[in-house]
Amino acid sequence: MEPERCGDPAAREAGVTAIERVAIVPDADAGTVALAASLTGAAKGCTLRPVASADGKAVATAEGAAGGPIRLRIPNPRLWSPAHPFLYDLTIALHNGAT
């Protein structure tokens, strides 16, 4: 029997392959954000595509294997402070090798 792959219809219907949690580690000095996602189910063939947005516009995007860390480089990062409480929106999509 072949192992389940990311995006198999049966796996999706059963809820087997999904993003379970994401660790996000910013590095303000470098202007980067490191992401590591944990998946439920099989990760073989899966990729993650994170997109950071500001004011409704994408400012950084990346793609990497679902099992490894992914680094987003954000140009001219806007840092949060009590005087300027800005936060980026982050969307992370899980894809199989065919999409």
PDB file of N, CA and C in Angstrom:
ATOM      1  N   MET A   1       0.837  -1.180   0.000  1.00  0.00           N
ATOM      2  CA  MET A   1       0.000   0.000   0.000  1.00  0.00           C
ATOM      3  C   MET A   1       0.885   1.248   0.000  1.00  0.00           C
ATOM      4  N   GLU A   2       0.591   2.181  -0.871  1.00  0.00           N
ATOM      5  CA  GLU A   2       1.360   3.418  -0.981  1.00  0.00           C
ATOM      6  C   GLU A   2       0.968   4.368   0.159  1.00  0.00           C
ATOM      7  N   PRO A   3       1.949   5.080   0.755  1.00  0.00           N
ATOM      8  CA  PRO A   3       1.612   6.001   1.840  1.00  0.00           C
ATOM      9  C   PRO A   3       0.777   7.166   1.332  1.00  0.00           C
ATOM     10  N   GLU A   4      -0.013   7.760   2.229  1.00  0.00           N
ATOM     11  CA  GLU A   4      -0.831   8.915   1.868  1.00  0.00           C
ATOM     12  C   GLU A   4       0.067  10.080   1.489  1.00  0.00           C
ATOM     13  N   ARG A   5      -0.371  10.833   0.512  1.00  0.00           N
ATOM     14  CA  ARG A   5       0.351  12.021   0.084  1.00  0.00           C
ATOM     15  C   ARG A   5      -0.504  13.238   0.398  1.00  0.00           C
ATOM     16  N   CYS A   6       0.164  14.342   0.533  1.00  0.00           N
ATOM     17  CA  CYS A   6      -0.543  15.592   0.763  1.00  0.00           C
ATOM     18  C   CYS A   6      -1.539  15.812  -0.362  1.00  0.00           C
ATOM     19  N   GLY A   7      -2.757  16.133  -0.027  1.00  0.00           N
ATOM     20  CA  GLY A   7      -3.746  16.452  -1.035  1.00  0.00           C
ATOM     21  C   GLY A   7      -4.545  15.264  -1.530  1.00  0.00           C
ATOM     22  N   ASP A   8      -4.277  14.045  -1.042  1.00  0.00           N
ATOM     23  CA  ASP A   8      -5.110  12.919  -1.438  1.00  0.00           C
ATOM     24  C   ASP A   8      -6.545  13.214  -1.038  1.00  0.00           C
ATOM     25  N   PRO A   9      -7.512  13.008  -1.947  1.00  0.00           N
ATOM     26  CA  PRO A   9      -8.904  13.309  -1.612  1.00  0.00           C
ATOM     27  C   PRO A   9      -9.382  12.605  -0.350  1.00  0.00           C
ATOM     28  N   ALA A  10      -9.017  11.337  -0.176  1.00  0.00           N
ATOM     29  CA  ALA A  10      -9.453  10.605   1.018  1.00  0.00           C
ATOM     30  C   ALA A  10      -8.869  11.219   2.284  1.00  0.00           C
ATOM     31  N   ALA A  11      -7.610  11.658   2.206  1.00  0.00           N
ATOM     32  CA  ALA A  11      -6.979  12.281   3.369  1.00  0.00           C
ATOM     33  C   ALA A  11      -7.658  13.602   3.704  1.00  0.00           C
ATOM     34  N   ARG A  12      -7.961  14.404   2.669  1.00  0.00           N
ATOM     35  CA  ARG A  12      -8.642  15.688   2.921  1.00  0.00           C
ATOM     36  C   ARG A  12     -10.005  15.460   3.555  1.00  0.00           C
ATOM     37  N   GLU A  13     -10.779  14.509   2.998  1.00  0.00           N
ATOM     38  CA  GLU A  13     -12.113  14.243   3.529  1.00  0.00           C
ATOM     39  C   GLU A  13     -12.058  13.768   4.973  1.00  0.00           C
ATOM     40  N   ALA A  14     -11.035  12.990   5.301  1.00  0.00           N
ATOM     41  CA  ALA A  14     -10.897  12.474   6.666  1.00  0.00           C
ATOM     42  C   ALA A  14     -10.247  13.488   7.590  1.00  0.00           C
ATOM     43  N   GLY A  15      -9.795  14.613   7.036  1.00  0.00           N
ATOM     44  CA  GLY A  15      -9.143  15.622   7.847  1.00  0.00           C
ATOM     45  C   GLY A  15      -7.760  15.205   8.306  1.00  0.00           C
ATOM     46  N   VAL A  16      -7.104  14.331   7.553  1.00  0.00           N
ATOM     47  CA  VAL A  16      -5.826  13.779   7.973  1.00  0.00           C
ATOM     48  C   VAL A  16      -4.675  14.760   7.789  1.00  0.00           C
ATOM     49  N   THR A  17      -4.606  15.439   6.648  1.00  0.00           N
ATOM     50  CA  THR A  17      -3.485  16.345   6.390  1.00  0.00           C
ATOM     51  C   THR A  17      -3.961  17.785   6.492  1.00  0.00           C
ATOM     52  N   ALA A  18      -3.475  18.472   7.516  1.00  0.00           N
ATOM     53  CA  ALA A  18      -3.842  19.868   7.746  1.00  0.00           C
ATOM     54  C   ALA A  18      -2.748  20.518   8.579  1.00  0.00           C
ATOM     55  N   ILE A  19      -2.736  21.834   8.575  1.00  0.00           N
ATOM     56  CA  ILE A  19      -1.807  22.554   9.441  1.00  0.00           C
ATOM     57  C   ILE A  19      -2.366  22.506  10.857  1.00  0.00           C
ATOM     58  N   GLU A  20      -1.583  21.950  11.757  1.00  0.00           N
ATOM     59  CA  GLU A  20      -2.022  21.816  13.147  1.00  0.00           C
ATOM     60  C   GLU A  20      -1.598  23.030  13.975  1.00  0.00           C
ATOM     61  N   ARG A  21      -0.338  23.436  13.832  1.00  0.00           N
ATOM     62  CA  ARG A  21       0.155  24.620  14.549  1.00  0.00           C
ATOM     63  C   ARG A  21       1.344  25.198  13.805  1.00  0.00           C
ATOM     64  N   VAL A  22       1.611  26.468  14.075  1.00  0.00           N
ATOM     65  CA  VAL A  22       2.702  27.168  13.423  1.00  0.00           C
ATOM     66  C   VAL A  22       3.516  27.908  14.480  1.00  0.00           C
ATOM     67  N   ALA A  23       4.824  27.725  14.449  1.00  0.00           N
ATOM     68  CA  ALA A  23       5.729  28.494  15.296  1.00  0.00           C
ATOM     69  C   ALA A  23       6.262  29.643  14.444  1.00  0.00           C
ATOM     70  N   ILE A  24       6.175  30.846  14.986  1.00  0.00           N
ATOM     71  CA  ILE A  24       6.605  32.042  14.265  1.00  0.00           C
ATOM     72  C   ILE A  24       7.657  32.744  15.101  1.00  0.00           C
ATOM     73  N   VAL A  25       8.840  32.947  14.502  1.00  0.00           N
ATOM     74  CA  VAL A  25       9.942  33.587  15.222  1.00  0.00           C
ATOM     75  C   VAL A  25      10.431  34.783  14.401  1.00  0.00           C
ATOM     76  N   PRO A  26      10.112  36.006  14.841  1.00  0.00           N
ATOM     77  CA  PRO A  26      10.586  37.176  14.105  1.00  0.00           C
ATOM     78  C   PRO A  26      12.031  37.523  14.463  1.00  0.00           C
ATOM     79  N   ASP A  27      12.731  38.115  13.507  1.00  0.00           N
ATOM     80  CA  ASP A  27      14.069  38.657  13.731  1.00  0.00           C
ATOM     81  C   ASP A  27      14.043  40.080  13.178  1.00  0.00           C
ATOM     82  N   ALA A  28      13.737  41.043  14.043  1.00  0.00           N
ATOM     83  CA  ALA A  28      13.561  42.431  13.617  1.00  0.00           C
ATOM     84  C   ALA A  28      14.832  42.993  13.001  1.00  0.00           C
ATOM     85  N   ASP A  29      15.981  42.643  13.548  1.00  0.00           N
ATOM     86  CA  ASP A  29      17.247  43.167  13.025  1.00  0.00           C
ATOM     87  C   ASP A  29      17.502  42.708  11.589  1.00  0.00           C
ATOM     88  N   ALA A  30      17.137  41.468  11.284  1.00  0.00           N
ATOM     89  CA  ALA A  30      17.348  40.928   9.936  1.00  0.00           C
ATOM     90  C   ALA A  30      16.169  41.203   9.008  1.00  0.00           C
ATOM     91  N   GLY A  31      15.036  41.616   9.569  1.00  0.00           N
ATOM     92  CA  GLY A  31      13.844  41.836   8.757  1.00  0.00           C
ATOM     93  C   GLY A  31      13.257  40.543   8.232  1.00  0.00           C
ATOM     94  N   THR A  32      13.343  39.489   9.033  1.00  0.00           N
ATOM     95  CA  THR A  32      12.832  38.181   8.613  1.00  0.00           C
ATOM     96  C   THR A  32      11.886  37.604   9.655  1.00  0.00           C
ATOM     97  N   VAL A  33      11.121  36.638   9.194  1.00  0.00           N
ATOM     98  CA  VAL A  33      10.246  35.853  10.055  1.00  0.00           C
ATOM     99  C   VAL A  33      10.471  34.393   9.683  1.00  0.00           C
ATOM    100  N   ALA A  34      10.818  33.563  10.655  1.00  0.00           N
ATOM    101  CA  ALA A  34      10.981  32.126  10.423  1.00  0.00           C
ATOM    102  C   ALA A  34       9.691  31.428  10.834  1.00  0.00           C
ATOM    103  N   LEU A  35       9.236  30.508   9.997  1.00  0.00           N
ATOM    104  CA  LEU A  35       8.009  29.759  10.251  1.00  0.00           C
ATOM    105  C   LEU A  35       8.313  28.273  10.235  1.00  0.00           C
ATOM    106  N   ALA A  36       7.713  27.554  11.147  1.00  0.00           N
ATOM    107  CA  ALA A  36       7.780  26.093  11.149  1.00  0.00           C
ATOM    108  C   ALA A  36       6.387  25.585  11.472  1.00  0.00           C
ATOM    109  N   ALA A  37       5.838  24.767  10.592  1.00  0.00           N
ATOM    110  CA  ALA A  37       4.479  24.275  10.772  1.00  0.00           C
ATOM    111  C   ALA A  37       4.490  22.791  11.111  1.00  0.00           C
ATOM    112  N   SER A  38       3.570  22.414  11.976  1.00  0.00           N
ATOM    113  CA  SER A  38       3.322  21.006  12.275  1.00  0.00           C
ATOM    114  C   SER A  38       2.034  20.617  11.570  1.00  0.00           C
ATOM    115  N   LEU A  39       2.071  19.471  10.899  1.00  0.00           N
ATOM    116  CA  LEU A  39       0.897  18.990  10.178  1.00  0.00           C
ATOM    117  C   LEU A  39       0.289  17.795  10.873  1.00  0.00           C
ATOM    118  N   THR A  40      -1.006  17.638  10.690  1.00  0.00           N
ATOM    119  CA  THR A  40      -1.648  16.388  11.053  1.00  0.00           C
ATOM    120  C   THR A  40      -1.578  15.513   9.810  1.00  0.00           C
ATOM    121  N   GLY A  41      -1.267  14.261   9.954  1.00  0.00           N
ATOM    122  CA  GLY A  41      -1.215  13.374   8.805  1.00  0.00           C
ATOM    123  C   GLY A  41       0.090  13.454   8.050  1.00  0.00           C
ATOM    124  N   ALA A  42       0.081  12.898   6.845  1.00  0.00           N
ATOM    125  CA  ALA A  42       1.280  12.767   6.027  1.00  0.00           C
ATOM    126  C   ALA A  42       1.687  14.099   5.416  1.00  0.00           C
ATOM    127  N   ALA A  43       2.993  14.397   5.449  1.00  0.00           N
ATOM    128  CA  ALA A  43       3.508  15.643   4.874  1.00  0.00           C
ATOM    129  C   ALA A  43       4.225  15.414   3.556  1.00  0.00           C
ATOM    130  N   LYS A  44       4.360  14.174   3.129  1.00  0.00           N
ATOM    131  CA  LYS A  44       5.112  13.863   1.912  1.00  0.00           C
ATOM    132  C   LYS A  44       4.506  14.593   0.711  1.00  0.00           C
ATOM    133  N   GLY A  45       5.348  15.336   0.006  1.00  0.00           N
ATOM    134  CA  GLY A  45       4.895  16.056  -1.175  1.00  0.00           C
ATOM    135  C   GLY A  45       4.211  17.382  -0.896  1.00  0.00           C
ATOM    136  N   CYS A  46       4.098  17.772   0.368  1.00  0.00           N
ATOM    137  CA  CYS A  46       3.418  19.018   0.715  1.00  0.00           C
ATOM    138  C   CYS A  46       4.377  20.193   0.737  1.00  0.00           C
ATOM    139  N   THR A  47       3.873  21.333   0.339  1.00  0.00           N
ATOM    140  CA  THR A  47       4.626  22.574   0.489  1.00  0.00           C
ATOM    141  C   THR A  47       3.745  23.588   1.207  1.00  0.00           C
ATOM    142  N   LEU A  48       4.400  24.522   1.863  1.00  0.00           N
ATOM    143  CA  LEU A  48       3.705  25.628   2.512  1.00  0.00           C
ATOM    144  C   LEU A  48       4.037  26.902   1.757  1.00  0.00           C
ATOM    145  N   ARG A  49       3.049  27.756   1.597  1.00  0.00           N
ATOM    146  CA  ARG A  49       3.244  29.048   0.934  1.00  0.00           C
ATOM    147  C   ARG A  49       2.729  30.153   1.852  1.00  0.00           C
ATOM    148  N   PRO A  50       3.603  30.699   2.697  1.00  0.00           N
ATOM    149  CA  PRO A  50       3.185  31.804   3.549  1.00  0.00           C
ATOM    150  C   PRO A  50       3.238  33.135   2.800  1.00  0.00           C
ATOM    151  N   VAL A  51       2.297  34.015   3.132  1.00  0.00           N
ATOM    152  CA  VAL A  51       2.249  35.360   2.567  1.00  0.00           C
ATOM    153  C   VAL A  51       2.007  36.333   3.710  1.00  0.00           C
ATOM    154  N   ALA A  52       2.910  37.291   3.871  1.00  0.00           N
ATOM    155  CA  ALA A  52       2.731  38.361   4.849  1.00  0.00           C
ATOM    156  C   ALA A  52       2.155  39.561   4.108  1.00  0.00           C
ATOM    157  N   SER A  53       1.127  40.173   4.704  1.00  0.00           N
ATOM    158  CA  SER A  53       0.461  41.315   4.081  1.00  0.00           C
ATOM    159  C   SER A  53       0.420  42.494   5.030  1.00  0.00           C
ATOM    160  N   ALA A  54       0.433  43.682   4.435  1.00  0.00           N
ATOM    161  CA  ALA A  54       0.283  44.923   5.193  1.00  0.00           C
ATOM    162  C   ALA A  54      -0.706  45.797   4.440  1.00  0.00           C
ATOM    163  N   ASP A  55      -1.688  46.281   5.142  1.00  0.00           N
ATOM    164  CA  ASP A  55      -2.699  47.144   4.526  1.00  0.00           C
ATOM    165  C   ASP A  55      -3.346  46.484   3.316  1.00  0.00           C
ATOM    166  N   GLY A  56      -3.564  45.167   3.393  1.00  0.00           N
ATOM    167  CA  GLY A  56      -4.232  44.426   2.338  1.00  0.00           C
ATOM    168  C   GLY A  56      -3.370  44.070   1.139  1.00  0.00           C
ATOM    169  N   LYS A  57      -2.067  44.372   1.176  1.00  0.00           N
ATOM    170  CA  LYS A  57      -1.185  44.068   0.054  1.00  0.00           C
ATOM    171  C   LYS A  57      -0.069  43.132   0.499  1.00  0.00           C
ATOM    172  N   ALA A  58       0.230  42.127  -0.320  1.00  0.00           N
ATOM    173  CA  ALA A  58       1.319  41.189  -0.016  1.00  0.00           C
ATOM    174  C   ALA A  58       2.648  41.933  -0.016  1.00  0.00           C
ATOM    175  N   VAL A  59       3.432  41.718   1.042  1.00  0.00           N
ATOM    176  CA  VAL A  59       4.752  42.347   1.131  1.00  0.00           C
ATOM    177  C   VAL A  59       5.880  41.312   1.121  1.00  0.00           C
ATOM    178  N   ALA A  60       5.544  40.059   1.404  1.00  0.00           N
ATOM    179  CA  ALA A  60       6.551  38.996   1.397  1.00  0.00           C
ATOM    180  C   ALA A  60       5.866  37.662   1.170  1.00  0.00           C
ATOM    181  N   THR A  61       6.522  36.813   0.396  1.00  0.00           N
ATOM    182  CA  THR A  61       6.015  35.475   0.160  1.00  0.00           C
ATOM    183  C   THR A  61       7.189  34.512   0.052  1.00  0.00           C
ATOM    184  N   ALA A  62       6.934  33.270   0.335  1.00  0.00           N
ATOM    185  CA  ALA A  62       7.967  32.239   0.245  1.00  0.00           C
ATOM    186  C   ALA A  62       7.278  30.906   0.000  1.00  0.00           C
ATOM    187  N   GLU A  63       8.078  29.895  -0.257  1.00  0.00           N
ATOM    188  CA  GLU A  63       7.563  28.537  -0.407  1.00  0.00           C
ATOM    189  C   GLU A  63       8.627  27.580   0.068  1.00  0.00           C
ATOM    190  N   GLY A  64       8.199  26.524   0.753  1.00  0.00           N
ATOM    191  CA  GLY A  64       9.144  25.538   1.230  1.00  0.00           C
ATOM    192  C   GLY A  64       8.456  24.250   1.614  1.00  0.00           C
ATOM    193  N   ALA A  65       9.260  23.241   1.844  1.00  0.00           N
ATOM    194  CA  ALA A  65       8.740  21.936   2.253  1.00  0.00           C
ATOM    195  C   ALA A  65       7.988  22.063   3.570  1.00  0.00           C
ATOM    196  N   ALA A  66       6.907  21.323   3.676  1.00  0.00           N
ATOM    197  CA  ALA A  66       6.070  21.413   4.865  1.00  0.00           C
ATOM    198  C   ALA A  66       6.804  20.991   6.132  1.00  0.00           C
ATOM    199  N   GLY A  67       7.801  20.167   6.018  1.00  0.00           N
ATOM    200  CA  GLY A  67       8.499  19.696   7.203  1.00  0.00           C
ATOM    201  C   GLY A  67       9.647  20.569   7.666  1.00  0.00           C
ATOM    202  N   GLY A  68       9.995  21.588   6.907  1.00  0.00           N
ATOM    203  CA  GLY A  68      11.180  22.375   7.252  1.00  0.00           C
ATOM    204  C   GLY A  68      10.855  23.813   7.577  1.00  0.00           C
ATOM    205  N   PRO A  69      11.826  24.530   8.102  1.00  0.00           N
ATOM    206  CA  PRO A  69      11.594  25.946   8.378  1.00  0.00           C
ATOM    207  C   PRO A  69      11.563  26.754   7.080  1.00  0.00           C
ATOM    208  N   ILE A  70      10.776  27.800   7.082  1.00  0.00           N
ATOM    209  CA  ILE A  70      10.641  28.700   5.936  1.00  0.00           C
ATOM    210  C   ILE A  70      10.896  30.109   6.448  1.00  0.00           C
ATOM    211  N   ARG A  71      11.653  30.868   5.693  1.00  0.00           N
ATOM    212  CA  ARG A  71      11.992  32.226   6.126  1.00  0.00           C
ATOM    213  C   ARG A  71      11.404  33.241   5.147  1.00  0.00           C
ATOM    214  N   LEU A  72      10.643  34.187   5.695  1.00  0.00           N
ATOM    215  CA  LEU A  72      10.114  35.308   4.926  1.00  0.00           C
ATOM    216  C   LEU A  72      10.991  36.521   5.178  1.00  0.00           C
ATOM    217  N   ARG A  73      11.389  37.212   4.133  1.00  0.00           N
ATOM    218  CA  ARG A  73      12.146  38.458   4.278  1.00  0.00           C
ATOM    219  C   ARG A  73      11.175  39.605   4.019  1.00  0.00           C
ATOM    220  N   ILE A  74      11.011  40.456   5.015  1.00  0.00           N
ATOM    221  CA  ILE A  74      10.074  41.567   4.919  1.00  0.00           C
ATOM    222  C   ILE A  74      10.865  42.855   4.707  1.00  0.00           C
ATOM    223  N   PRO A  75      10.705  43.484   3.542  1.00  0.00           N
ATOM    224  CA  PRO A  75      11.449  44.712   3.284  1.00  0.00           C
ATOM    225  C   PRO A  75      10.912  45.871   4.131  1.00  0.00           C
ATOM    226  N   ASN A  76      11.793  46.671   4.669  1.00  0.00           N
ATOM    227  CA  ASN A  76      11.415  47.832   5.488  1.00  0.00           C
ATOM    228  C   ASN A  76      10.344  47.479   6.521  1.00  0.00           C
ATOM    229  N   PRO A  77      10.635  46.549   7.417  1.00  0.00           N
ATOM    230  CA  PRO A  77       9.605  46.087   8.352  1.00  0.00           C
ATOM    231  C   PRO A  77       9.088  47.210   9.249  1.00  0.00           C
ATOM    232  N   ARG A  78       7.784  47.166   9.476  1.00  0.00           N
ATOM    233  CA  ARG A  78       7.143  48.094  10.404  1.00  0.00           C
ATOM    234  C   ARG A  78       7.047  47.371  11.746  1.00  0.00           C
ATOM    235  N   LEU A  79       7.776  47.843  12.722  1.00  0.00           N
ATOM    236  CA  LEU A  79       7.819  47.184  14.020  1.00  0.00           C
ATOM    237  C   LEU A  79       6.691  47.667  14.911  1.00  0.00           C
ATOM    238  N   TRP A  80       6.143  46.749  15.689  1.00  0.00           N
ATOM    239  CA  TRP A  80       5.080  47.071  16.631  1.00  0.00           C
ATOM    240  C   TRP A  80       5.664  47.839  17.806  1.00  0.00           C
ATOM    241  N   SER A  81       4.912  48.824  18.256  1.00  0.00           N
ATOM    242  CA  SER A  81       5.248  49.539  19.485  1.00  0.00           C
ATOM    243  C   SER A  81       3.942  50.049  20.061  1.00  0.00           C
ATOM    244  N   PRO A  82       3.912  50.409  21.348  1.00  0.00           N
ATOM    245  CA  PRO A  82       2.671  50.957  21.913  1.00  0.00           C
ATOM    246  C   PRO A  82       2.208  52.221  21.176  1.00  0.00           C
ATOM    247  N   ALA A  83       3.149  53.011  20.681  1.00  0.00           N
ATOM    248  CA  ALA A  83       2.788  54.225  19.956  1.00  0.00           C
ATOM    249  C   ALA A  83       2.279  53.928  18.540  1.00  0.00           C
ATOM    250  N   HIS A  84       2.763  52.815  17.941  1.00  0.00           N
ATOM    251  CA  HIS A  84       2.378  52.403  16.582  1.00  0.00           C
ATOM    252  C   HIS A  84       2.092  50.906  16.581  1.00  0.00           C
ATOM    253  N   PRO A  85       0.917  50.506  17.057  1.00  0.00           N
ATOM    254  CA  PRO A  85       0.612  49.068  17.205  1.00  0.00           C
ATOM    255  C   PRO A  85       0.219  48.401  15.886  1.00  0.00           C
ATOM    256  N   PHE A  86       1.197  48.223  15.005  1.00  0.00           N
ATOM    257  CA  PHE A  86       0.967  47.616  13.698  1.00  0.00           C
ATOM    258  C   PHE A  86       1.286  46.124  13.741  1.00  0.00           C
ATOM    259  N   LEU A  87       0.418  45.318  13.136  1.00  0.00           N
ATOM    260  CA  LEU A  87       0.671  43.887  12.981  1.00  0.00           C
ATOM    261  C   LEU A  87       0.456  43.494  11.520  1.00  0.00           C
ATOM    262  N   TYR A  88       1.302  42.618  11.015  1.00  0.00           N
ATOM    263  CA  TYR A  88       1.135  42.071   9.675  1.00  0.00           C
ATOM    264  C   TYR A  88       0.085  40.973   9.706  1.00  0.00           C
ATOM    265  N   ASP A  89      -0.601  40.778   8.585  1.00  0.00           N
ATOM    266  CA  ASP A  89      -1.460  39.619   8.405  1.00  0.00           C
ATOM    267  C   ASP A  89      -0.601  38.519   7.810  1.00  0.00           C
ATOM    268  N   LEU A  90      -0.839  37.289   8.231  1.00  0.00           N
ATOM    269  CA  LEU A  90      -0.088  36.153   7.717  1.00  0.00           C
ATOM    270  C   LEU A  90      -1.060  35.065   7.284  1.00  0.00           C
ATOM    271  N   THR A  91      -0.941  34.663   6.028  1.00  0.00           N
ATOM    272  CA  THR A  91      -1.751  33.577   5.483  1.00  0.00           C
ATOM    273  C   THR A  91      -0.788  32.462   5.085  1.00  0.00           C
ATOM    274  N   ILE A  92      -1.115  31.242   5.484  1.00  0.00           N
ATOM    275  CA  ILE A  92      -0.267  30.100   5.134  1.00  0.00           C
ATOM    276  C   ILE A  92      -1.137  29.067   4.434  1.00  0.00           C
ATOM    277  N   ALA A  93      -0.780  28.756   3.193  1.00  0.00           N
ATOM    278  CA  ALA A  93      -1.509  27.766   2.418  1.00  0.00           C
ATOM    279  C   ALA A  93      -0.717  26.469   2.357  1.00  0.00           C
ATOM    280  N   LEU A  94      -1.421  25.370   2.441  1.00  0.00           N
ATOM    281  CA  LEU A  94      -0.835  24.036   2.337  1.00  0.00           C
ATOM    282  C   LEU A  94      -1.176  23.491   0.960  1.00  0.00           C
ATOM    283  N   HIS A  95      -0.157  23.105   0.186  1.00  0.00           N
ATOM    284  CA  HIS A  95      -0.359  22.624  -1.179  1.00  0.00           C
ATOM    285  C   HIS A  95       0.287  21.260  -1.360  1.00  0.00           C
ATOM    286  N   ASN A  96      -0.291  20.487  -2.286  1.00  0.00           N
ATOM    287  CA  ASN A  96       0.391  19.261  -2.680  1.00  0.00           C
ATOM    288  C   ASN A  96       1.247  19.548  -3.891  1.00  0.00           C
ATOM    289  N   GLY A  97       2.042  18.610  -4.350  1.00  0.00           N
ATOM    290  CA  GLY A  97       2.971  18.844  -5.447  1.00  0.00           C
ATOM    291  C   GLY A  97       2.309  19.163  -6.765  1.00  0.00           C
ATOM    292  N   ALA A  98       1.018  18.894  -6.906  1.00  0.00           N
ATOM    293  CA  ALA A  98       0.329  19.111  -8.175  1.00  0.00           C
ATOM    294  C   ALA A  98      -0.273  20.490  -8.303  1.00  0.00           C
ATOM    295  N   THR A  99      -0.301  21.282  -7.211  1.00  0.00           N
ATOM    296  CA  THR A  99      -0.973  22.587  -7.291  1.00  0.00           C
ATOM    297  C   THR A  99      -0.015  23.718  -7.011  1.00  0.00           C
TER     298      THR A  99
END
